[in-house]
Amino acid sequence: MAHLRTLIQPVGWLLFLAIVSQGPLARAEPISDPKVRAAIHRGLEWIANSQSRLGHWSANDGRYSTAMTALAGMALLAEGSTTTQGKYAPNIRRAVDYLVSRSRPNGLIGEARDDRYTYGHGYSMLFLSQVLGEEEDLDRRETLIEVLTKAVQFTGEAQTQAGGWGYVSAKDGHDFDEGSTTITQVQGLRGCRNAGIPVPKEIIDKAIKYIRQCTLPDGGVQYSSKGGGGRPAITAAAIACLFNAGDYDSDYVPKLLDYANRSLANIGNESFGHWHYAHYYYAQVKYREGDTTWTEYRDKIYNRIISEASPNGSWSQGYIGTIYTTAINLTILQLDDAMLPIYQR
């Protein structure tokens, strides 16, 4: 059954992947700067050592364990470890087991009492889909396929009439939608689709239409389909999502990129809020553009990230929690290693 599911490849998504592979992008170069390598090593060690006995990590006040576990797991996967190989294989296995244990009968990965459960659900789809591609144990593969298949179904049912997603499902949130969690769902769905999990094309089509409808004349993507003004962080996330869909050369994407560049090209600008979230996606965009566009940005962002590291290897900036900031920073620092398919050029 697993092999059958893996072979299901709708034509639209094959074209989508083909377009992505043809972008005008340079090959990744392994990270050679010893200062960057040292910061990555210390950070990964801190993440590994701070994992709970149950396999999870949490934000401040013990919140958002599902989302934090998935983000921390992504940082460990970016090092090159899998569930069976590499230095952090035991940590990744425990993280996978924790998230699998949080899979509900309705497909939600997480806790319904969490007031932001779609973030955890989307990031979990992303993390577990990356694990599935490298999972060698047949029983674990079958479990992951089952969990992710149900998760995709939940995401489809949670989509709002406008085509986005809110902090909770459309039903639980009275059809409220919001840009950042919409991007989280889309990237999670893309990871699942790449791993062979069937994803209905209409879900993605509605989501892309939603992003376009939320785009203002100046290129900013607004907070919600109901309004809320353009947001640099959500705009950067939207570009990363659209780049994943191979949308490089239209008039539309450059307009969004110009808007994002005005706020995010200056690394020191924090006036827009959610700095780490914004650069988590903006770094993906710059990395996909490649060449000097990436290297000039990379040098600036790396210098700032490394300068803000704590002696124990973690990063404590931001209000969500140390694990959140550390996982995001490590993901950015490891982009050039190109270990994760979802971030590869």
Protein backbone atom coordinates (compact mmCIF):
# COMPACT_ATOMS: atom_id res chain seq x y z
CA MET A 1 0.00 0.00 0.00
CA ALA A 2 2.85 2.37 0.83
CA HIS A 3 4.41 1.81 -2.57
CA LEU A 4 1.08 2.48 -4.28
CA ARG A 5 0.63 5.75 -2.44
CA THR A 6 4.16 6.82 -3.25
CA LEU A 7 3.56 6.23 -6.95
CA ILE A 8 0.49 8.47 -7.09
CA GLN A 9 1.78 11.57 -8.92
CA PRO A 10 -0.88 13.90 -10.32
CA VAL A 11 0.28 15.60 -13.51
CA GLY A 12 -0.20 19.11 -12.11
CA TRP A 13 2.20 18.51 -9.28
CA LEU A 14 4.76 16.87 -11.54
CA LEU A 15 4.73 20.02 -13.65
CA PHE A 16 4.99 22.07 -10.48
CA LEU A 17 8.09 20.20 -9.38
CA ALA A 18 9.60 20.40 -12.85
CA ILE A 19 9.20 24.16 -12.87
CA VAL A 20 10.85 24.46 -9.47
CA SER A 21 13.87 22.51 -10.68
CA GLN A 22 14.33 24.85 -13.63
CA GLY A 23 14.66 28.11 -11.72
CA PRO A 24 17.71 30.31 -12.43
CA LEU A 25 19.50 29.23 -9.29
CA ALA A 26 23.06 28.46 -8.30
CA ARG A 27 24.09 25.23 -6.62
CA ALA A 28 24.48 25.19 -2.86
CA GLU A 29 27.96 25.40 -1.44
CA PRO A 30 28.63 23.58 1.85
CA ILE A 31 29.24 25.91 4.77
CA SER A 32 32.97 26.37 5.31
CA ASP A 33 33.17 29.37 7.68
CA PRO A 34 34.43 27.97 11.01
CA LYS A 35 32.49 30.60 12.98
CA VAL A 36 29.25 29.54 11.34
CA ARG A 37 30.06 25.87 11.84
CA ALA A 38 30.83 26.46 15.51
CA ALA A 39 27.57 28.36 16.04
CA ILE A 40 25.60 25.59 14.33
CA HIS A 41 27.29 22.91 16.43
CA ARG A 42 26.64 24.71 19.72
CA GLY A 43 23.05 25.43 18.77
CA LEU A 44 22.28 21.87 17.74
CA GLU A 45 23.85 20.56 20.93
CA TRP A 46 21.66 22.90 22.96
CA ILE A 47 18.54 21.72 21.12
CA ALA A 48 19.44 18.06 21.59
CA ASN A 49 20.20 18.50 25.28
CA SER A 50 17.03 20.47 25.99
CA GLN A 51 14.64 17.88 24.56
CA SER A 52 12.22 16.51 27.14
CA ARG A 53 12.11 12.84 28.06
CA LEU A 54 8.80 12.61 26.20
CA GLY A 55 10.52 13.84 23.04
CA HIS A 56 9.13 17.35 22.77
CA TRP A 57 10.19 20.96 23.19
CA SER A 58 7.95 23.81 24.34
CA ALA A 59 7.78 27.58 24.03
CA ASN A 60 7.50 29.91 27.01
CA ASP A 61 5.16 28.70 29.77
CA GLY A 62 5.15 25.20 28.27
CA ARG A 63 3.06 26.26 25.27
CA TYR A 64 2.93 25.17 21.62
CA SER A 65 4.75 21.86 22.10
CA THR A 66 3.65 20.50 18.74
CA ALA A 67 4.92 23.48 16.74
CA MET A 68 8.15 23.78 18.72
CA THR A 69 8.90 20.07 18.39
CA ALA A 70 8.44 20.19 14.63
CA LEU A 71 10.63 23.29 14.24
CA ALA A 72 13.35 21.83 16.46
CA GLY A 73 13.17 18.60 14.50
CA MET A 74 13.62 20.48 11.24
CA ALA A 75 16.79 22.11 12.59
CA LEU A 76 18.19 18.69 13.51
CA LEU A 77 17.25 17.21 10.12
CA ALA A 78 19.04 20.12 8.42
CA GLU A 79 22.27 18.83 9.97
CA GLY A 80 21.92 15.64 7.94
CA SER A 81 20.76 13.23 10.64
CA THR A 82 17.72 11.01 10.07
CA THR A 83 15.72 8.72 12.34
CA THR A 84 18.28 5.96 11.78
CA GLN A 85 21.57 7.66 10.96
CA GLY A 86 23.62 10.56 12.24
CA LYS A 87 24.46 12.16 15.54
CA TYR A 88 20.94 13.35 16.28
CA ALA A 89 19.05 10.24 15.14
CA PRO A 90 17.83 9.43 18.70
CA ASN A 91 16.51 12.98 19.17
CA ILE A 92 14.74 12.92 15.80
CA ARG A 93 13.15 9.53 16.55
CA ARG A 94 11.81 10.79 19.87
CA ALA A 95 10.44 13.92 18.19
CA VAL A 96 8.73 11.83 15.52
CA ASP A 97 7.26 9.49 18.11
CA TYR A 98 5.96 12.44 20.11
CA LEU A 99 4.24 14.04 17.12
CA VAL A 100 2.82 10.73 15.91
CA SER A 101 1.37 10.24 19.38
CA ARG A 102 -0.38 13.60 19.00
CA SER A 103 -2.18 12.56 15.81
CA ARG A 104 -5.92 12.66 16.48
CA PRO A 105 -8.65 10.52 14.87
CA ASN A 106 -9.76 13.56 12.83
CA GLY A 107 -6.22 14.02 11.45
CA LEU A 108 -5.16 16.97 13.59
CA ILE A 109 -1.58 16.69 14.80
CA GLY A 110 -1.66 18.52 18.11
CA GLU A 111 -4.06 19.56 20.80
CA ALA A 112 -7.48 21.02 20.03
CA ARG A 113 -7.23 23.13 23.20
CA ASP A 114 -4.22 24.96 21.74
CA ASP A 115 -5.38 28.39 20.54
CA ARG A 116 -2.90 28.23 17.63
CA TYR A 117 -3.12 24.57 16.74
CA THR A 118 -2.93 25.01 12.97
CA TYR A 119 0.67 26.22 13.30
CA GLY A 120 1.65 23.02 15.09
CA HIS A 121 -0.31 20.95 12.60
CA GLY A 122 1.31 22.62 9.57
CA TYR A 123 4.86 22.48 10.92
CA SER A 124 4.32 18.84 11.90
CA MET A 125 3.26 17.98 8.36
CA LEU A 126 6.42 19.69 7.12
CA PHE A 127 8.74 17.91 9.55
CA LEU A 128 7.18 14.45 9.28
CA SER A 129 7.11 14.64 5.48
CA GLN A 130 10.85 15.33 5.44
CA VAL A 131 11.36 12.37 7.76
CA LEU A 132 9.24 10.10 5.56
CA GLY A 133 11.50 10.62 2.58
CA GLU A 134 14.46 9.14 4.49
CA GLU A 135 12.67 6.64 6.74
CA GLU A 136 14.06 3.13 6.21
CA ASP A 137 11.90 1.18 8.66
CA LEU A 138 8.83 -0.14 6.81
CA ASP A 139 6.55 -0.11 9.85
CA ARG A 140 7.49 3.46 10.68
CA ARG A 141 6.95 4.44 7.05
CA GLU A 142 3.46 2.97 7.11
CA THR A 143 2.69 4.86 10.32
CA LEU A 144 3.96 8.14 8.89
CA ILE A 145 1.97 7.64 5.68
CA GLU A 146 -1.20 7.04 7.70
CA VAL A 147 -0.62 10.05 9.96
CA LEU A 148 0.20 12.39 7.07
CA THR A 149 -2.67 11.18 4.90
CA LYS A 150 -5.10 11.97 7.71
CA ALA A 151 -3.31 15.27 8.36
CA VAL A 152 -3.78 16.37 4.76
CA GLN A 153 -7.47 15.51 4.98
CA PHE A 154 -7.80 17.57 8.15
CA THR A 155 -6.07 20.53 6.51
CA GLY A 156 -8.45 20.38 3.57
CA GLU A 157 -11.46 20.32 5.87
CA ALA A 158 -10.01 23.18 7.96
CA GLN A 159 -9.63 25.52 4.96
CA THR A 160 -11.86 28.59 4.99
CA GLN A 161 -14.25 29.59 2.25
CA ALA A 162 -11.78 32.29 1.19
CA GLY A 163 -9.10 29.63 0.69
CA GLY A 164 -6.90 30.38 3.69
CA TRP A 165 -6.58 29.06 7.21
CA GLY A 166 -6.91 30.63 10.62
CA TYR A 167 -5.28 29.85 13.95
CA VAL A 168 -7.79 27.02 14.28
CA SER A 169 -9.97 25.23 11.72
CA ALA A 170 -12.60 27.10 9.73
CA LYS A 171 -15.29 25.41 11.81
CA ASP A 172 -13.69 26.18 15.18
CA GLY A 173 -12.71 29.71 14.15
CA HIS A 174 -15.96 30.77 12.45
CA ASP A 175 -14.24 30.87 9.04
CA PHE A 176 -11.56 33.34 10.16
CA ASP A 177 -8.39 33.27 8.05
CA GLU A 178 -4.88 34.68 8.50
CA GLY A 179 -1.87 34.85 6.20
CA SER A 180 0.96 33.35 8.24
CA THR A 181 -0.79 30.14 9.22
CA THR A 182 -2.03 29.82 5.63
CA ILE A 183 1.58 29.70 4.46
CA THR A 184 2.35 27.13 7.15
CA GLN A 185 -0.37 24.86 5.79
CA VAL A 186 0.74 25.31 2.18
CA GLN A 187 4.37 24.47 2.93
CA GLY A 188 3.29 21.47 4.98
CA LEU A 189 1.08 20.27 2.14
CA ARG A 190 3.89 20.70 -0.34
CA GLY A 191 6.20 18.63 1.87
CA CYS A 192 3.57 15.91 2.07
CA ARG A 193 2.99 15.94 -1.67
CA ASN A 194 6.70 15.65 -2.39
CA ALA A 195 6.85 12.64 -0.04
CA GLY A 196 4.11 10.86 -2.01
CA ILE A 197 1.08 11.73 0.11
CA PRO A 198 -1.96 12.53 -2.07
CA VAL A 199 -2.87 16.23 -1.84
CA PRO A 200 -5.98 17.42 -3.72
CA LYS A 201 -4.94 20.05 -6.23
CA GLU A 202 -7.98 22.21 -5.46
CA ILE A 203 -6.74 22.84 -1.91
CA ILE A 204 -3.52 24.37 -3.22
CA ASP A 205 -5.29 26.25 -5.99
CA LYS A 206 -7.64 27.87 -3.47
CA ALA A 207 -4.72 28.78 -1.23
CA ILE A 208 -2.73 30.42 -4.05
CA LYS A 209 -5.85 32.34 -5.07
CA TYR A 210 -6.23 33.43 -1.44
CA ILE A 211 -2.68 34.81 -1.35
CA ARG A 212 -3.25 36.76 -4.55
CA GLN A 213 -6.52 38.18 -3.25
CA CYS A 214 -4.76 39.31 -0.06
CA THR A 215 -2.08 41.18 -2.03
CA LEU A 216 -2.34 44.96 -1.95
CA PRO A 217 -1.42 47.27 -4.85
CA ASP A 218 2.00 48.03 -3.30
CA GLY A 219 2.90 44.31 -3.19
CA GLY A 220 2.28 43.75 0.50
CA VAL A 221 0.27 40.70 1.54
CA GLN A 222 -2.25 41.75 4.14
CA TYR A 223 -2.93 40.07 7.46
CA SER A 224 -6.23 38.49 6.45
CA SER A 225 -8.73 38.41 3.62
CA LYS A 226 -10.74 40.74 5.84
CA GLY A 227 -7.93 43.35 5.85
CA GLY A 228 -5.30 44.30 8.38
CA GLY A 229 -2.74 46.00 6.15
CA GLY A 230 0.35 44.67 4.39
CA ARG A 231 2.79 42.69 6.52
CA PRO A 232 6.46 42.22 5.53
CA ALA A 233 6.67 38.91 7.42
CA ILE A 234 3.59 37.44 5.74
CA THR A 235 4.73 38.79 2.37
CA ALA A 236 8.12 37.06 2.70
CA ALA A 237 6.33 33.85 3.66
CA ALA A 238 4.01 34.20 0.66
CA ILE A 239 6.96 34.63 -1.72
CA ALA A 240 8.62 31.50 -0.36
CA CYS A 241 5.34 29.66 -0.92
CA LEU A 242 4.99 30.96 -4.48
CA PHE A 243 8.63 30.20 -5.28
CA ASN A 244 7.89 26.64 -4.21
CA ALA A 245 5.17 26.69 -6.87
CA GLY A 246 7.67 27.77 -9.54
CA ASP A 247 6.21 31.27 -9.90
CA TYR A 248 9.49 33.09 -10.71
CA ASP A 249 8.89 35.30 -13.72
CA SER A 250 5.42 36.77 -13.52
CA ASP A 251 4.74 40.42 -12.87
CA TYR A 252 3.08 39.46 -9.61
CA VAL A 253 5.92 37.86 -7.64
CA PRO A 254 8.47 40.63 -8.31
CA LYS A 255 5.96 43.11 -6.89
CA LEU A 256 5.83 41.15 -3.65
CA LEU A 257 9.60 40.81 -3.62
CA ASP A 258 10.07 44.56 -4.00
CA TYR A 259 7.76 45.12 -1.04
CA ALA A 260 9.62 42.58 1.10
CA ASN A 261 13.01 43.97 0.12
CA ARG A 262 12.04 47.45 1.26
CA SER A 263 11.58 46.18 4.82
CA LEU A 264 13.77 43.11 5.10
CA ALA A 265 16.91 43.83 3.04
CA ASN A 266 18.03 46.04 5.95
CA ILE A 267 18.90 43.37 8.53
CA GLY A 268 18.70 45.88 11.37
CA ASN A 269 15.12 46.91 10.63
CA GLU A 270 12.77 45.54 13.30
CA SER A 271 9.97 48.07 12.94
CA PHE A 272 7.58 45.57 11.37
CA GLY A 273 7.63 42.95 14.14
CA HIS A 274 8.17 39.16 14.00
CA TRP A 275 11.77 39.61 12.85
CA HIS A 276 12.80 35.96 13.14
CA TYR A 277 9.66 34.65 11.49
CA ALA A 278 10.11 37.12 8.62
CA HIS A 279 13.73 36.18 8.01
CA TYR A 280 12.99 32.46 8.32
CA TYR A 281 11.03 32.83 5.07
CA TYR A 282 12.99 35.72 3.55
CA ALA A 283 16.18 33.65 3.86
CA GLN A 284 14.49 30.85 1.91
CA VAL A 285 13.59 33.35 -0.80
CA LYS A 286 17.10 34.78 -1.02
CA TYR A 287 18.62 31.30 -1.01
CA ARG A 288 16.42 30.26 -3.92
CA GLU A 289 17.44 33.38 -5.86
CA GLY A 290 21.05 32.31 -5.44
CA ASP A 291 24.30 33.94 -6.62
CA THR A 292 25.23 37.31 -5.09
CA THR A 293 21.61 37.96 -4.11
CA TRP A 294 21.96 35.14 -1.61
CA THR A 295 25.60 35.56 -0.58
CA GLU A 296 25.30 39.29 0.18
CA TYR A 297 22.21 38.70 2.30
CA ARG A 298 23.70 35.56 3.85
CA ASP A 299 26.80 37.35 5.08
CA LYS A 300 24.71 40.01 6.81
CA ILE A 301 22.16 37.67 8.36
CA TYR A 302 24.81 35.19 9.50
CA ASN A 303 26.86 37.91 11.18
CA ARG A 304 23.84 39.13 13.10
CA ILE A 305 22.65 35.68 14.11
CA ILE A 306 26.09 34.59 15.30
CA SER A 307 26.61 37.82 17.25
CA GLU A 308 23.37 37.24 19.17
CA ALA A 309 24.06 33.64 20.24
CA SER A 310 24.20 32.90 23.96
CA PRO A 311 27.29 31.21 25.44
CA ASN A 312 25.32 27.95 25.73
CA GLY A 313 24.61 27.97 21.99
CA SER A 314 20.97 29.04 22.07
CA TRP A 315 19.26 32.26 21.00
CA SER A 316 16.85 33.94 23.39
CA GLN A 317 15.61 36.91 21.34
CA GLY A 318 11.90 37.10 20.67
CA TYR A 319 8.87 36.54 22.85
CA ILE A 320 7.77 33.03 21.88
CA GLY A 321 10.63 31.13 23.48
CA THR A 322 14.28 30.18 23.19
CA ILE A 323 13.59 26.96 21.29
CA TYR A 324 11.63 28.88 18.66
CA THR A 325 14.37 31.42 17.99
CA THR A 326 17.12 28.81 18.13
CA ALA A 327 15.39 26.43 15.71
CA ILE A 328 14.67 29.21 13.21
CA ASN A 329 18.21 30.61 13.38
CA LEU A 330 19.74 27.17 12.90
CA THR A 331 17.51 26.49 9.92
CA ILE A 332 18.69 29.72 8.30
CA LEU A 333 22.36 29.00 9.09
CA GLN A 334 22.14 25.53 7.53
CA LEU A 335 20.40 26.42 4.26
CA ASP A 336 23.65 26.15 2.30
CA ASP A 337 24.07 22.53 3.38
CA ALA A 338 20.89 21.73 1.39
CA MET A 339 19.95 18.66 3.42
CA LEU A 340 16.19 19.22 3.41
CA PRO A 341 14.29 18.78 0.13
CA ILE A 342 11.72 21.46 1.06
CA TYR A 343 14.44 24.13 1.16
CA GLN A 344 16.60 22.94 -1.73
CA ARG A 345 17.03 24.94 -4.91
